[in-house]
Amino acid sequence: MATKPTSNSLNDRVREVIDLIRPAVQSDGGDIELVEVTQDGIVKIRMHGACVGCPSSDMTLRIGIERTLRERIPEVLRVESIC
C-alpha cells in the first residue's frame, strides 16, 4: 500500500509526491517543475530537459505523474503541462 504524504496543505502534498516521482524522470534526462496547484484541484507542471519535445512526455504526464498524484491525493482532478 502506498504511503500518503504527511503535510496538510494541498500544495505541500503535491510537492511531496512530485519529489517522489522526480528521480524516475531525471533518470531519463528530464525534470518536473511544480508551477501551481489551483484550489479546484488542477496541478500545473512544467517539463524540462529531455522531456521537452519527447514523444513519450504526454504518456509520462498522464500515466505516471497524473495517475500517481490522483491515487495519493484525491483532491487532484487533473495535471496540465504548461510551457
C-alpha atoms as a PDB file:
ATOM      1  CA  MET A   1       0.000   0.000   0.000  1.00  0.00           C
ATOM      2  CA  ALA A   2       1.309   3.447  -0.914  1.00  0.00           C
ATOM      3  CA  THR A   3       2.117   5.854   1.871  1.00  0.00           C
ATOM      4  CA  LYS A   4       0.284   9.144   1.868  1.00  0.00           C
ATOM      5  CA  PRO A   5       2.102  12.473   2.153  1.00  0.00           C
ATOM      6  CA  THR A   6       2.248  13.890   5.673  1.00  0.00           C
ATOM      7  CA  SER A   7       1.813  17.646   5.052  1.00  0.00           C
ATOM      8  CA  ASN A   8      -1.559  19.317   5.322  1.00  0.00           C
ATOM      9  CA  SER A   9      -1.678  21.884   2.515  1.00  0.00           C
ATOM     10  CA  LEU A  10      -2.607  20.624  -0.927  1.00  0.00           C
ATOM     11  CA  ASN A  11       0.418  22.368  -2.445  1.00  0.00           C
ATOM     12  CA  ASP A  12       2.791  20.711   0.040  1.00  0.00           C
ATOM     13  CA  ARG A  13       1.261  17.281  -0.521  1.00  0.00           C
ATOM     14  CA  VAL A  14       1.545  17.655  -4.313  1.00  0.00           C
ATOM     15  CA  ARG A  15       5.160  18.802  -3.963  1.00  0.00           C
ATOM     16  CA  GLU A  16       5.978  15.746  -1.836  1.00  0.00           C
ATOM     17  CA  VAL A  17       4.541  13.339  -4.415  1.00  0.00           C
ATOM     18  CA  ILE A  18       6.331  15.109  -7.274  1.00  0.00           C
ATOM     19  CA  ASP A  19       9.559  14.778  -5.293  1.00  0.00           C
ATOM     20  CA  LEU A  20       8.928  11.021  -5.178  1.00  0.00           C
ATOM     21  CA  ILE A  21       8.344  10.887  -8.967  1.00  0.00           C
ATOM     22  CA  ARG A  22      11.210  13.236  -9.900  1.00  0.00           C
ATOM     23  CA  PRO A  23      14.101  10.695  -9.689  1.00  0.00           C
ATOM     24  CA  ALA A  24      12.474   8.465 -12.326  1.00  0.00           C
ATOM     25  CA  VAL A  25      12.022  11.409 -14.687  1.00  0.00           C
ATOM     26  CA  GLN A  26      15.558  12.633 -14.011  1.00  0.00           C
ATOM     27  CA  SER A  27      16.969   9.190 -14.769  1.00  0.00           C
ATOM     28  CA  ASP A  28      15.730   9.697 -18.344  1.00  0.00           C
ATOM     29  CA  GLY A  29      17.328  13.147 -18.587  1.00  0.00           C
ATOM     30  CA  GLY A  30      14.237  15.204 -17.780  1.00  0.00           C
ATOM     31  CA  ASP A  31      12.785  17.024 -14.813  1.00  0.00           C
ATOM     32  CA  ILE A  32       9.456  18.257 -13.457  1.00  0.00           C
ATOM     33  CA  GLU A  33       8.748  21.699 -12.050  1.00  0.00           C
ATOM     34  CA  LEU A  34       5.619  22.320  -9.989  1.00  0.00           C
ATOM     35  CA  VAL A  35       4.205  25.614 -11.233  1.00  0.00           C
ATOM     36  CA  GLU A  36       0.830  25.841  -9.493  1.00  0.00           C
ATOM     37  CA  VAL A  37      -1.835  23.920  -7.665  1.00  0.00           C
ATOM     38  CA  THR A  38      -5.229  25.561  -8.102  1.00  0.00           C
ATOM     39  CA  GLN A  39      -7.949  25.490  -5.476  1.00  0.00           C
ATOM     40  CA  ASP A  40     -10.104  23.397  -7.815  1.00  0.00           C
ATOM     41  CA  GLY A  41      -7.550  20.550  -7.935  1.00  0.00           C
ATOM     42  CA  ILE A  42      -5.639  21.322 -11.131  1.00  0.00           C
ATOM     43  CA  VAL A  43      -1.886  20.717 -10.889  1.00  0.00           C
ATOM     44  CA  LYS A  44       0.196  22.676 -13.391  1.00  0.00           C
ATOM     45  CA  ILE A  45       3.698  21.437 -14.092  1.00  0.00           C
ATOM     46  CA  ARG A  46       6.488  22.313 -16.494  1.00  0.00           C
ATOM     47  CA  MET A  47       8.625  19.599 -18.056  1.00  0.00           C
ATOM     48  CA  HIS A  48      12.353  20.245 -18.522  1.00  0.00           C
ATOM     49  CA  GLY A  49      15.365  18.663 -20.194  1.00  0.00           C
ATOM     50  CA  ALA A  50      14.824  15.577 -22.309  1.00  0.00           C
ATOM     51  CA  CYS A  51      11.078  15.719 -21.567  1.00  0.00           C
ATOM     52  CA  VAL A  52      10.667  18.807 -23.741  1.00  0.00           C
ATOM     53  CA  GLY A  53       9.591  17.624 -27.162  1.00  0.00           C
ATOM     54  CA  CYS A  54       9.816  13.947 -26.240  1.00  0.00           C
ATOM     55  CA  PRO A  55       7.027  11.890 -27.823  1.00  0.00           C
ATOM     56  CA  SER A  56       6.632   9.966 -24.560  1.00  0.00           C
ATOM     57  CA  SER A  57       6.227  13.055 -22.363  1.00  0.00           C
ATOM     58  CA  ASP A  58       2.416  13.040 -22.675  1.00  0.00           C
ATOM     59  CA  MET A  59       2.340   9.389 -21.605  1.00  0.00           C
ATOM     60  CA  THR A  60       4.667  10.192 -18.695  1.00  0.00           C
ATOM     61  CA  LEU A  61       2.354  13.027 -17.712  1.00  0.00           C
ATOM     62  CA  ARG A  62      -0.895  11.031 -17.888  1.00  0.00           C
ATOM     63  CA  ILE A  63       0.154   7.546 -16.838  1.00  0.00           C
ATOM     64  CA  GLY A  64       2.995   8.363 -14.476  1.00  0.00           C
ATOM     65  CA  ILE A  65       2.524  11.771 -12.929  1.00  0.00           C
ATOM     66  CA  GLU A  66      -1.246  12.313 -13.045  1.00  0.00           C
ATOM     67  CA  ARG A  67      -2.153   8.772 -12.023  1.00  0.00           C
ATOM     68  CA  THR A  68       0.263   8.821  -9.089  1.00  0.00           C
ATOM     69  CA  LEU A  69      -0.935  12.215  -7.881  1.00  0.00           C
ATOM     70  CA  ARG A  70      -4.612  11.246  -8.157  1.00  0.00           C
ATOM     71  CA  GLU A  71      -4.039   7.940  -6.337  1.00  0.00           C
ATOM     72  CA  ARG A  72      -2.244   9.605  -3.440  1.00  0.00           C
ATOM     73  CA  ILE A  73      -4.159  12.893  -3.275  1.00  0.00           C
ATOM     74  CA  PRO A  74      -7.894  12.579  -4.009  1.00  0.00           C
ATOM     75  CA  GLU A  75      -8.296  16.372  -4.331  1.00  0.00           C
ATOM     76  CA  VAL A  76      -6.182  16.350  -7.512  1.00  0.00           C
ATOM     77  CA  LEU A  77      -8.517  16.241 -10.508  1.00  0.00           C
ATOM     78  CA  ARG A  78      -6.012  16.546 -13.318  1.00  0.00           C
ATOM     79  CA  VAL A  79      -2.471  17.550 -14.253  1.00  0.00           C
ATOM     80  CA  GLU A  80      -1.630  20.010 -17.015  1.00  0.00           C
ATOM     81  CA  SER A  81       1.738  20.611 -18.587  1.00  0.00           C
ATOM     82  CA  ILE A  82       2.450  24.246 -19.395  1.00  0.00           C
ATOM     83  CA  CYS A  83       5.242  25.782 -21.468  1.00  0.00           C
END
